[in-house]
Structures are given as structure tokens and as C-alpha cells.
Protein backbone atom coordinates (compact mmCIF):
# COMPACT_ATOMS: atom_id res chain seq x y z
CA MET A 1 -12.08 4.84 17.21
CA GLN A 2 -14.22 4.38 14.11
CA VAL A 3 -13.35 2.60 10.87
CA ALA A 4 -13.02 5.21 8.15
CA TYR A 5 -11.59 2.94 5.44
CA ARG A 6 -11.26 -0.80 4.83
CA ALA A 7 -8.23 -1.56 2.71
CA ASN A 8 -7.57 -4.53 0.45
CA ASN A 9 -3.81 -4.23 0.78
CA LEU A 10 -1.15 -2.47 2.80
CA PHE A 11 -0.48 0.14 0.11
CA ASP A 12 -4.11 1.29 0.10
CA ALA A 13 -4.18 1.40 3.90
CA HIS A 14 -1.16 3.66 4.10
CA LEU A 15 -2.39 5.80 1.21
CA ALA A 16 -5.61 6.41 3.15
CA ARG A 17 -3.73 7.08 6.38
CA HIS A 18 -1.49 9.64 4.70
CA ALA A 19 -4.47 11.34 3.03
CA LEU A 20 -6.16 11.64 6.43
CA GLU A 21 -3.03 12.91 8.16
CA ASP A 22 -2.52 15.49 5.39
CA ALA A 23 -6.04 16.72 6.19
CA GLY A 24 -5.07 17.06 9.87
CA ILE A 25 -6.96 13.96 11.03
CA PRO A 26 -5.10 11.46 13.22
CA ALA A 27 -5.34 7.97 11.72
CA PHE A 28 -4.14 4.48 12.66
CA VAL A 29 -3.85 1.32 10.55
CA PHE A 30 -5.24 -1.70 12.40
CA GLY A 31 -4.37 -5.22 11.28
CA GLU A 32 -1.00 -4.42 9.76
CA SER A 33 0.81 -6.82 12.08
CA LEU A 34 -1.63 -9.63 11.18
CA LEU A 35 -0.51 -9.85 7.57
CA GLY A 36 2.27 -12.33 8.39
CA ALA A 37 -0.28 -14.82 9.72
CA GLY A 38 -2.16 -15.08 6.42
CA GLY A 39 -2.33 -18.86 6.56
CA GLU A 40 -4.72 -18.81 9.52
CA LEU A 41 -6.62 -15.59 8.85
CA PRO A 42 -8.99 -14.56 6.06
CA LEU A 43 -7.15 -12.96 3.17
CA PHE A 44 -9.35 -9.84 3.13
CA GLY A 45 -10.81 -7.55 5.75
CA VAL A 46 -7.96 -7.42 8.25
CA LEU A 47 -6.71 -3.93 7.30
CA ARG A 48 -8.73 -1.03 8.68
CA VAL A 49 -7.86 2.66 8.86
CA CYS A 50 -9.44 4.12 11.99
CA VAL A 51 -9.94 7.69 13.19
CA PRO A 52 -11.28 9.22 16.42
CA ASP A 53 -15.08 9.14 16.72
CA VAL A 54 -15.53 12.88 16.33
CA ALA A 55 -13.37 13.00 13.18
CA LEU A 56 -15.32 10.42 11.16
CA PRO A 57 -17.35 12.91 9.03
CA GLN A 58 -14.23 14.91 8.16
CA ALA A 59 -12.35 11.68 7.44
CA ARG A 60 -14.96 10.56 4.92
CA ASP A 61 -14.77 13.95 3.22
CA ALA A 62 -10.96 13.75 3.06
CA LEU A 63 -11.03 10.20 1.66
CA ALA A 64 -13.64 11.17 -0.93
CA ALA A 65 -11.56 14.21 -1.95
CA ALA A 66 -8.55 11.92 -2.38
CA GLY A 67 -10.62 9.60 -4.61
CA LEU A 68 -10.27 6.64 -2.27
CA LEU A 69 -14.02 6.07 -1.88
CA ASP A 70 -14.68 5.89 -5.64
CA PRO A 71 -15.80 2.48 -6.90
CA PRO A 72 -13.02 0.53 -8.61
CA VAL A 73 -12.80 0.66 -12.39
CA ASP A 74 -12.71 -2.63 -14.24
CA PRO A 75 -9.19 -2.77 -15.72
CA ILE A 76 -10.32 -4.85 -18.72
CA PHE A 77 -13.55 -3.18 -19.77
CA GLY A 78 -12.92 0.32 -18.38
CA GLU A 79 -15.78 2.63 -19.28
CA PHE A 80 -17.58 0.16 -21.57
CA ALA A 81 -21.02 -0.47 -20.15
CA ASP A 82 -21.77 -3.59 -22.21
CA PRO A 83 -20.56 -6.62 -20.22
CA GLY A 84 -20.97 -8.73 -23.38
CA LEU A 85 -17.75 -7.30 -24.80
CA SER A 86 -14.68 -9.34 -24.14
CA PRO A 87 -11.04 -8.72 -24.98
CA ALA A 88 -9.67 -10.50 -28.03
């Protein structure tokens, strides 16, 4: 198994898994059962969506087509390139 997607939350992990399964790629969410132990584990990096080794290239294509590999957009500044702007 290879990690195809690292999720920040459970919703993103399942969104990626469903996108992969819709593309015909078997996927498994690792770390889902660790979320209840958040007091002793790091808050980020425990959720991973994994696929079989041979399906990794197709999985990346499917995730990119679903828009899951796009960089996040800043919700405050959006498309403004000037970081000197701040909301009023």
C-alpha cells in the first residue's frame, strides 16, 4: 500500500476515498480509529488514504481530477496576491 493522500480531517479523507473508488481504484483510510486518542497523538498527519502500489499513478490522476491536490485558497485574501492587504 502507498499513501495517495494525506488528509487534515475525516471529511477530506473520505472525500478522497470516494473519489478514488469512483475511479475504480480500491482505497483505504488509515488512522481513522486513532482520532479518539487525540490527547496523546499529534493533531495532524494521522489520516492517510492508501491505495495498492500499482494503482498510485492512477490514484494521483484521479485525485487531481477531483481537485483534491490543488493548493488551498486563503479564505480571507482569496485571489489577492498582495499580502499587505488586510480585512477591515
